[in-house]
Amino acid sequence: MSQYNKHLQGYQQVRFNTASPQKLLIMCYDGAIQFLKKADMMMEKEQYDKANYNILRSMSFITELLATLDDSKSPEFTSSLRKLYLYIIERLRDAMRSQDREPIHESIRFLSSMKETWETAFRNLQVQQKIAV
């Protein structure tokens, strides 16, 4: 491993360890989307092993999102999110089986929209907290 990669890995570890729960959630969405974009490029080049590898990396982020769901806070909301995450995982499995890029595109659209929604919610929460002080 190069010195640069060691420093980068150390920086990323510190960034991860010091991030707020909200930031970690956004980082999971970013990771999933990033790997799906790589998978799409690899599939376009017909490098299916590399595409599948990146899809699996993306699925690990989605699995992490699934693991963070807390049914005690809002059971209906978490149930809906769980169903959507599981749907995305199934679509990505379809992409791996069929070597079709459309499920990847659909998953990127869903994840991007969800990420934007969370970012908006977090910004609104910050504004409300500032007003309440």
C-alpha atoms as a PDB file:
ATOM      1  CA  MET A   1       0.000   0.000   0.000  1.00  0.00           C
ATOM      2  CA  SER A   2       1.427   3.387  -0.960  1.00  0.00           C
ATOM      3  CA  GLN A   3       2.038   6.124   1.591  1.00  0.00           C
ATOM      4  CA  TYR A   4      -0.715   8.180  -0.044  1.00  0.00           C
ATOM      5  CA  ASN A   5      -3.232   5.339   0.316  1.00  0.00           C
ATOM      6  CA  LYS A   6      -2.281   4.892   3.981  1.00  0.00           C
ATOM      7  CA  HIS A   7      -2.886   8.576   4.650  1.00  0.00           C
ATOM      8  CA  LEU A   8      -6.136   8.540   2.716  1.00  0.00           C
ATOM      9  CA  GLN A   9      -7.347   5.470   4.592  1.00  0.00           C
ATOM     10  CA  GLY A  10      -6.446   7.126   7.914  1.00  0.00           C
ATOM     11  CA  TYR A  11      -8.282  10.302   6.938  1.00  0.00           C
ATOM     12  CA  GLN A  12     -11.360   8.344   5.916  1.00  0.00           C
ATOM     13  CA  GLN A  13     -11.326   6.424   9.196  1.00  0.00           C
ATOM     14  CA  VAL A  14     -11.198   9.650  11.218  1.00  0.00           C
ATOM     15  CA  ARG A  15     -13.948  11.148   9.066  1.00  0.00           C
ATOM     16  CA  PHE A  16     -16.115   8.076   9.651  1.00  0.00           C
ATOM     17  CA  ASN A  17     -15.441   7.893  13.399  1.00  0.00           C
ATOM     18  CA  THR A  18     -16.226  11.564  13.999  1.00  0.00           C
ATOM     19  CA  ALA A  19     -19.299  11.881  11.766  1.00  0.00           C
ATOM     20  CA  SER A  20     -22.759  12.526  13.154  1.00  0.00           C
ATOM     21  CA  PRO A  21     -25.463   9.879  12.623  1.00  0.00           C
ATOM     22  CA  GLN A  22     -26.987  12.129   9.964  1.00  0.00           C
ATOM     23  CA  LYS A  23     -23.669  12.430   8.140  1.00  0.00           C
ATOM     24  CA  LEU A  24     -23.120   8.657   8.343  1.00  0.00           C
ATOM     25  CA  LEU A  25     -26.522   8.103   6.733  1.00  0.00           C
ATOM     26  CA  ILE A  26     -25.630  10.433   3.860  1.00  0.00           C
ATOM     27  CA  MET A  27     -22.230   8.737   3.533  1.00  0.00           C
ATOM     28  CA  CYS A  28     -23.989   5.369   3.112  1.00  0.00           C
ATOM     29  CA  TYR A  29     -26.142   6.772   0.316  1.00  0.00           C
ATOM     30  CA  ASP A  30     -23.077   8.359  -1.305  1.00  0.00           C
ATOM     31  CA  GLY A  31     -21.168   5.076  -1.144  1.00  0.00           C
ATOM     32  CA  ALA A  32     -24.027   3.066  -2.618  1.00  0.00           C
ATOM     33  CA  ILE A  33     -24.528   5.558  -5.444  1.00  0.00           C
ATOM     34  CA  GLN A  34     -20.801   5.836  -6.161  1.00  0.00           C
ATOM     35  CA  PHE A  35     -20.379   2.067  -6.521  1.00  0.00           C
ATOM     36  CA  LEU A  36     -23.486   1.790  -8.690  1.00  0.00           C
ATOM     37  CA  LYS A  37     -22.098   4.425 -11.040  1.00  0.00           C
ATOM     38  CA  LYS A  38     -18.871   2.425 -11.268  1.00  0.00           C
ATOM     39  CA  ALA A  39     -20.888  -0.750 -11.863  1.00  0.00           C
ATOM     40  CA  ASP A  40     -22.789   0.963 -14.657  1.00  0.00           C
ATOM     41  CA  MET A  41     -19.537   2.020 -16.349  1.00  0.00           C
ATOM     42  CA  MET A  42     -18.119  -1.496 -16.054  1.00  0.00           C
ATOM     43  CA  MET A  43     -21.302  -3.037 -17.411  1.00  0.00           C
ATOM     44  CA  GLU A  44     -21.233  -0.621 -20.334  1.00  0.00           C
ATOM     45  CA  LYS A  45     -17.695  -1.866 -21.072  1.00  0.00           C
ATOM     46  CA  GLU A  46     -18.955  -5.460 -20.713  1.00  0.00           C
ATOM     47  CA  GLN A  47     -16.651  -6.024 -17.744  1.00  0.00           C
ATOM     48  CA  TYR A  48     -19.282  -7.950 -15.851  1.00  0.00           C
ATOM     49  CA  ASP A  49     -17.044  -9.267 -13.063  1.00  0.00           C
ATOM     50  CA  LYS A  50     -16.033  -5.726 -12.142  1.00  0.00           C
ATOM     51  CA  ALA A  51     -19.631  -4.551 -12.493  1.00  0.00           C
ATOM     52  CA  ASN A  52     -20.836  -7.291 -10.162  1.00  0.00           C
ATOM     53  CA  TYR A  53     -18.088  -6.470  -7.664  1.00  0.00           C
ATOM     54  CA  ASN A  54     -19.232  -2.835  -7.564  1.00  0.00           C
ATOM     55  CA  ILE A  55     -22.882  -3.856  -7.286  1.00  0.00           C
ATOM     56  CA  LEU A  56     -21.987  -6.015  -4.288  1.00  0.00           C
ATOM     57  CA  ARG A  57     -20.108  -3.107  -2.718  1.00  0.00           C
ATOM     58  CA  SER A  58     -23.185  -0.942  -3.212  1.00  0.00           C
ATOM     59  CA  MET A  59     -25.386  -3.619  -1.688  1.00  0.00           C
ATOM     60  CA  SER A  60     -23.202  -3.604   1.428  1.00  0.00           C
ATOM     61  CA  PHE A  61     -24.058   0.073   1.948  1.00  0.00           C
ATOM     62  CA  ILE A  62     -27.746  -0.635   1.411  1.00  0.00           C
ATOM     63  CA  THR A  63     -27.515  -3.504   3.896  1.00  0.00           C
ATOM     64  CA  GLU A  64     -26.002  -1.054   6.384  1.00  0.00           C
ATOM     65  CA  LEU A  65     -28.931   1.296   5.782  1.00  0.00           C
ATOM     66  CA  LEU A  66     -31.260  -1.624   6.497  1.00  0.00           C
ATOM     67  CA  ALA A  67     -29.417  -2.385   9.732  1.00  0.00           C
ATOM     68  CA  THR A  68     -29.898   1.169  11.012  1.00  0.00           C
ATOM     69  CA  LEU A  69     -33.690   1.084  10.789  1.00  0.00           C
ATOM     70  CA  ASP A  70     -35.352   1.415  14.185  1.00  0.00           C
ATOM     71  CA  ASP A  71     -38.951   0.197  14.255  1.00  0.00           C
ATOM     72  CA  SER A  72     -39.559   1.705  17.692  1.00  0.00           C
ATOM     73  CA  LYS A  73     -39.478   5.285  16.366  1.00  0.00           C
ATOM     74  CA  SER A  74     -41.928   5.087  13.463  1.00  0.00           C
ATOM     75  CA  PRO A  75     -42.960   1.544  12.500  1.00  0.00           C
ATOM     76  CA  GLU A  76     -44.829   2.508   9.314  1.00  0.00           C
ATOM     77  CA  PHE A  77     -42.004   4.686   8.042  1.00  0.00           C
ATOM     78  CA  THR A  78     -39.279   2.143   8.766  1.00  0.00           C
ATOM     79  CA  SER A  79     -41.388  -0.614   7.225  1.00  0.00           C
ATOM     80  CA  SER A  80     -41.709   1.411   4.022  1.00  0.00           C
ATOM     81  CA  LEU A  81     -37.978   2.135   3.944  1.00  0.00           C
ATOM     82  CA  ARG A  82     -37.179  -1.529   4.576  1.00  0.00           C
ATOM     83  CA  LYS A  83     -39.389  -2.568   1.657  1.00  0.00           C
ATOM     84  CA  LEU A  84     -37.731  -0.014  -0.605  1.00  0.00           C
ATOM     85  CA  TYR A  85     -34.192  -1.066   0.378  1.00  0.00           C
ATOM     86  CA  LEU A  86     -35.093  -4.728  -0.179  1.00  0.00           C
ATOM     87  CA  TYR A  87     -36.632  -3.845  -3.552  1.00  0.00           C
ATOM     88  CA  ILE A  88     -33.414  -2.069  -4.575  1.00  0.00           C
ATOM     89  CA  ILE A  89     -31.325  -5.065  -3.501  1.00  0.00           C
ATOM     90  CA  GLU A  90     -33.561  -7.367  -5.550  1.00  0.00           C
ATOM     91  CA  ARG A  91     -33.270  -5.092  -8.594  1.00  0.00           C
ATOM     92  CA  LEU A  92     -29.492  -5.120  -8.241  1.00  0.00           C
ATOM     93  CA  ARG A  93     -29.564  -8.910  -8.128  1.00  0.00           C
ATOM     94  CA  ASP A  94     -31.586  -8.747 -11.345  1.00  0.00           C
ATOM     95  CA  ALA A  95     -28.890  -6.539 -12.873  1.00  0.00           C
ATOM     96  CA  MET A  96     -26.208  -9.059 -11.940  1.00  0.00           C
ATOM     97  CA  ARG A  97     -28.188 -11.983 -13.348  1.00  0.00           C
ATOM     98  CA  SER A  98     -29.292 -10.325 -16.568  1.00  0.00           C
ATOM     99  CA  GLN A  99     -26.312  -8.002 -17.141  1.00  0.00           C
ATOM    100  CA  ASP A 100     -28.899  -5.278 -17.714  1.00  0.00           C
ATOM    101  CA  ARG A 101     -28.047  -1.692 -16.775  1.00  0.00           C
ATOM    102  CA  GLU A 102     -31.635  -0.484 -16.240  1.00  0.00           C
ATOM    103  CA  PRO A 103     -31.959  -1.877 -12.686  1.00  0.00           C
ATOM    104  CA  ILE A 104     -28.760  -0.019 -11.827  1.00  0.00           C
ATOM    105  CA  HIS A 105     -30.152   3.212 -13.258  1.00  0.00           C
ATOM    106  CA  GLU A 106     -33.412   2.718 -11.369  1.00  0.00           C
ATOM    107  CA  SER A 107     -31.522   2.074  -8.131  1.00  0.00           C
ATOM    108  CA  ILE A 108     -29.381   5.190  -8.592  1.00  0.00           C
ATOM    109  CA  ARG A 109     -32.548   7.257  -9.113  1.00  0.00           C
ATOM    110  CA  PHE A 110     -34.184   5.860  -5.964  1.00  0.00           C
ATOM    111  CA  LEU A 111     -31.077   6.262  -3.809  1.00  0.00           C
ATOM    112  CA  SER A 112     -30.341   9.771  -5.117  1.00  0.00           C
ATOM    113  CA  SER A 113     -33.894  10.876  -4.414  1.00  0.00           C
ATOM    114  CA  MET A 114     -33.818   9.372  -0.926  1.00  0.00           C
ATOM    115  CA  LYS A 115     -30.462  11.025  -0.194  1.00  0.00           C
ATOM    116  CA  GLU A 116     -31.795  14.414  -1.293  1.00  0.00           C
ATOM    117  CA  THR A 117     -34.873  13.940   0.892  1.00  0.00           C
ATOM    118  CA  TRP A 118     -32.738  13.156   3.948  1.00  0.00           C
ATOM    119  CA  GLU A 119     -30.457  16.126   3.265  1.00  0.00           C
ATOM    120  CA  THR A 120     -33.472  18.432   3.065  1.00  0.00           C
ATOM    121  CA  ALA A 121     -34.913  16.987   6.268  1.00  0.00           C
ATOM    122  CA  PHE A 122     -31.607  17.451   8.102  1.00  0.00           C
ATOM    123  CA  ARG A 123     -31.276  21.053   6.866  1.00  0.00           C
ATOM    124  CA  ASN A 124     -34.846  21.812   7.977  1.00  0.00           C
ATOM    125  CA  LEU A 125     -34.159  20.255  11.367  1.00  0.00           C
ATOM    126  CA  GLN A 126     -31.070  22.437  11.804  1.00  0.00           C
ATOM    127  CA  VAL A 127     -33.085  25.549  10.935  1.00  0.00           C
ATOM    128  CA  GLN A 128     -35.817  24.579  13.413  1.00  0.00           C
ATOM    129  CA  GLN A 129     -33.238  23.973  16.134  1.00  0.00           C
ATOM    130  CA  LYS A 130     -31.679  27.394  15.543  1.00  0.00           C
ATOM    131  CA  ILE A 131     -35.087  29.068  15.701  1.00  0.00           C
ATOM    132  CA  ALA A 132     -35.936  27.275  18.944  1.00  0.00           C
ATOM    133  CA  VAL A 133     -32.764  28.561  20.656  1.00  0.00           C
END
